[in-house]
Amino acid sequence: MANLLTAVRLLLVIPVALAIANAQLMMSWLLLALILIAIASDYFDGKLARALHTASARGMLFDHGTDFVFVTTALFALSTIDLAPPLLPLLIAVAFSQYVLDSYFLFKQKQLRMSFLGRWNGILYFVPIVFLATSRLPLLEDRQDLLNTAIIYFNYILVVSTLASIFDRAIAPLRASEN
């Protein structure tokens, strides 16, 4: 059941990204609704898996992998309309690859090994996507330029925090060997 919620988010990747890249494809309220459904599915899939005692390392990888695909694709779509630096989705791909590789191969764990900064970045990657959908609502049309500027600046903050996360994860083995 939890994996079904995760699959819903995966199915929303393409329509959300296309609607972000082309405002004419979808009504703004529908885009916002789809993004909120994706966020709700992300929030509840893990809770449901734990409640039903079906949580697993494979389910966690599916959840986090789907988050990665969703936010990276949406942020890439934002970059096509000049609201995110193209570097951001590339850095997220590096950070996620590093997350998976060091969890399974470097630390030889049987599930993903989260970090504080990586966890918060994973949550914050949704913020510019929500802001974009919100900025397109008719009641905020006159504030769209201001919101777009906020989105751009926030995405540059995400570039810095993603670089910090990559660096933090890169030096984690050194900290582990000191202990």
Protein backbone atom coordinates (compact mmCIF):
# COMPACT_ATOMS: atom_id res chain seq x y z
CA MET A 1 0.00 0.00 0.00
CA ALA A 2 2.83 2.44 0.88
CA ASN A 3 4.56 1.68 -2.41
CA LEU A 4 1.31 2.53 -4.19
CA LEU A 5 1.45 6.02 -2.66
CA THR A 6 5.04 6.35 -3.82
CA ALA A 7 4.01 5.19 -7.31
CA VAL A 8 1.39 7.97 -7.44
CA ARG A 9 4.21 10.50 -6.98
CA LEU A 10 6.21 8.80 -9.70
CA LEU A 11 3.25 9.04 -12.10
CA LEU A 12 3.05 12.80 -11.46
CA VAL A 13 6.64 13.49 -12.56
CA ILE A 14 6.00 14.08 -16.27
CA PRO A 15 2.73 16.06 -16.05
CA VAL A 16 4.13 18.32 -13.31
CA ALA A 17 7.40 18.95 -15.14
CA LEU A 18 5.64 19.69 -18.43
CA ALA A 19 3.22 22.06 -16.70
CA ILE A 20 6.10 23.85 -14.97
CA ALA A 21 7.93 24.29 -18.27
CA ASN A 22 4.79 25.45 -20.10
CA ALA A 23 2.26 27.43 -18.07
CA GLN A 24 -0.35 27.00 -20.82
CA LEU A 25 -0.51 23.22 -20.45
CA MET A 26 -2.37 23.10 -17.16
CA MET A 27 -4.46 25.37 -15.00
CA SER A 28 -2.44 26.79 -12.11
CA TRP A 29 -4.72 25.37 -9.41
CA LEU A 30 -4.41 21.89 -10.95
CA LEU A 31 -0.62 22.11 -11.04
CA LEU A 32 -0.61 23.16 -7.38
CA ALA A 33 -3.01 20.32 -6.53
CA LEU A 34 -0.77 17.74 -8.25
CA ILE A 35 2.28 19.04 -6.41
CA LEU A 36 0.43 18.92 -3.09
CA ILE A 37 -0.69 15.34 -3.86
CA ALA A 38 2.97 14.46 -4.52
CA ILE A 39 4.02 16.02 -1.21
CA ALA A 40 1.19 14.26 0.67
CA SER A 41 2.16 10.92 -0.87
CA ASP A 42 5.74 11.52 0.24
CA TYR A 43 4.63 12.37 3.76
CA PHE A 44 2.27 9.45 4.19
CA ASP A 45 4.02 6.57 2.39
CA GLY A 46 6.61 6.03 5.11
CA LYS A 47 4.09 6.50 7.91
CA LEU A 48 1.80 3.94 6.26
CA ALA A 49 4.64 1.45 5.74
CA ARG A 50 5.62 1.71 9.40
CA ALA A 51 2.00 1.46 10.60
CA LEU A 52 1.40 -1.64 8.48
CA HIS A 53 4.80 -3.11 9.43
CA THR A 54 5.77 -3.27 5.76
CA ALA A 55 8.68 -0.80 5.92
CA SER A 56 11.76 -2.13 4.14
CA ALA A 57 15.09 -0.97 2.79
CA ARG A 58 13.77 -1.55 -0.74
CA GLY A 59 10.67 0.56 -0.03
CA MET A 60 12.87 3.32 1.39
CA LEU A 61 15.01 3.28 -1.76
CA PHE A 62 11.87 3.42 -3.93
CA ASP A 63 10.55 6.37 -1.87
CA HIS A 64 13.80 8.33 -1.92
CA GLY A 65 14.47 7.46 -5.56
CA THR A 66 11.01 8.72 -6.50
CA ASP A 67 11.61 11.93 -4.53
CA PHE A 68 14.87 12.35 -6.41
CA VAL A 69 13.22 11.86 -9.81
CA PHE A 70 10.30 14.16 -8.93
CA VAL A 71 12.29 17.13 -7.60
CA THR A 72 15.14 16.83 -10.09
CA THR A 73 12.76 16.75 -13.04
CA ALA A 74 10.67 19.63 -11.67
CA LEU A 75 13.77 21.73 -10.92
CA PHE A 76 15.13 20.97 -14.38
CA ALA A 77 11.79 22.23 -15.77
CA LEU A 78 12.25 25.38 -13.66
CA SER A 79 15.69 25.82 -15.23
CA THR A 80 14.14 25.71 -18.73
CA ILE A 81 12.12 28.82 -17.83
CA ASP A 82 15.12 30.51 -16.17
CA LEU A 83 13.87 30.13 -12.59
CA ALA A 84 16.59 27.73 -11.47
CA PRO A 85 20.24 27.37 -12.38
CA PRO A 86 20.77 24.27 -14.55
CA LEU A 87 23.53 23.36 -12.09
CA LEU A 88 20.97 22.59 -9.34
CA PRO A 89 19.43 19.42 -10.84
CA LEU A 90 22.94 18.21 -11.74
CA LEU A 91 24.13 18.73 -8.16
CA ILE A 92 21.07 16.91 -6.84
CA ALA A 93 21.94 13.97 -9.11
CA VAL A 94 25.49 13.96 -7.71
CA ALA A 95 24.23 14.21 -4.11
CA PHE A 96 21.68 11.42 -4.56
CA SER A 97 24.21 9.14 -6.27
CA GLN A 98 26.64 9.79 -3.45
CA TYR A 99 23.88 9.06 -0.90
CA VAL A 100 23.11 5.68 -2.45
CA LEU A 101 26.69 4.66 -3.20
CA ASP A 102 28.14 5.51 0.18
CA SER A 103 25.20 3.96 2.03
CA TYR A 104 25.44 0.60 0.30
CA PHE A 105 29.08 0.37 -0.73
CA LEU A 106 31.22 2.62 1.45
CA PHE A 107 29.41 2.07 4.75
CA LYS A 108 28.14 -1.35 3.62
CA GLN A 109 24.69 -0.82 5.09
CA LYS A 110 21.59 -2.67 3.98
CA GLN A 111 19.57 0.54 3.71
CA LEU A 112 20.12 4.20 2.93
CA ARG A 113 22.20 6.15 5.44
CA MET A 114 20.64 9.60 5.86
CA SER A 115 22.40 12.79 6.84
CA PHE A 116 20.93 15.83 8.56
CA LEU A 117 21.69 18.25 5.73
CA GLY A 118 20.68 15.79 3.02
CA ARG A 119 17.33 15.20 4.72
CA TRP A 120 16.59 18.92 4.93
CA ASN A 121 17.67 19.48 1.34
CA GLY A 122 15.31 16.69 0.29
CA ILE A 123 12.44 18.57 1.94
CA LEU A 124 13.49 22.02 0.75
CA TYR A 125 13.76 20.96 -2.91
CA PHE A 126 9.95 20.97 -2.95
CA VAL A 127 9.74 24.66 -1.88
CA PRO A 128 10.53 26.36 -5.22
CA ILE A 129 8.18 23.95 -6.98
CA VAL A 130 5.32 24.91 -4.66
CA PHE A 131 6.21 28.61 -4.97
CA LEU A 132 6.10 28.41 -8.76
CA ALA A 133 2.68 26.77 -8.78
CA THR A 134 1.42 29.27 -6.20
CA SER A 135 2.81 32.23 -8.13
CA ARG A 136 0.72 31.23 -11.15
CA LEU A 137 -2.58 31.37 -9.25
CA PRO A 138 -4.80 34.19 -10.56
CA LEU A 139 -4.96 35.92 -7.18
CA LEU A 140 -1.15 36.29 -7.17
CA GLU A 141 -0.68 37.31 -10.81
CA ASP A 142 0.34 40.85 -9.84
CA ARG A 143 3.03 39.42 -7.49
CA GLN A 144 4.43 36.87 -9.95
CA ASP A 145 7.63 38.81 -10.66
CA LEU A 146 8.39 39.13 -6.95
CA LEU A 147 7.69 35.43 -6.35
CA ASN A 148 9.81 34.44 -9.36
CA THR A 149 12.71 36.46 -7.94
CA ALA A 150 12.26 34.69 -4.59
CA ILE A 151 12.28 31.33 -6.40
CA ILE A 152 15.54 32.18 -8.19
CA TYR A 153 17.28 33.27 -4.98
CA PHE A 154 15.98 30.26 -3.06
CA ASN A 155 17.32 27.95 -5.78
CA TYR A 156 20.77 29.52 -5.45
CA ILE A 157 20.59 28.86 -1.69
CA LEU A 158 19.75 25.24 -2.58
CA VAL A 159 22.84 25.09 -4.81
CA VAL A 160 24.98 26.14 -1.84
CA SER A 161 23.27 23.77 0.60
CA THR A 162 23.53 20.88 -1.89
CA LEU A 163 27.25 21.56 -2.34
CA ALA A 164 27.59 21.60 1.47
CA SER A 165 25.74 18.28 1.67
CA ILE A 166 28.00 16.74 -0.99
CA PHE A 167 31.08 17.96 0.89
CA ASP A 168 29.70 16.77 4.24
CA ARG A 169 29.02 13.30 2.85
CA ALA A 170 32.45 13.21 1.19
CA ILE A 171 34.24 13.83 4.50
CA ALA A 172 31.94 11.53 6.54
CA PRO A 173 34.28 8.53 6.10
CA LEU A 174 37.11 10.61 7.57
CA ARG A 175 35.00 11.44 10.63
CA ALA A 176 33.98 7.79 10.94
CA SER A 177 37.61 6.62 10.89
CA GLU A 178 38.49 9.07 13.69
CA ASN A 179 35.92 7.49 16.01
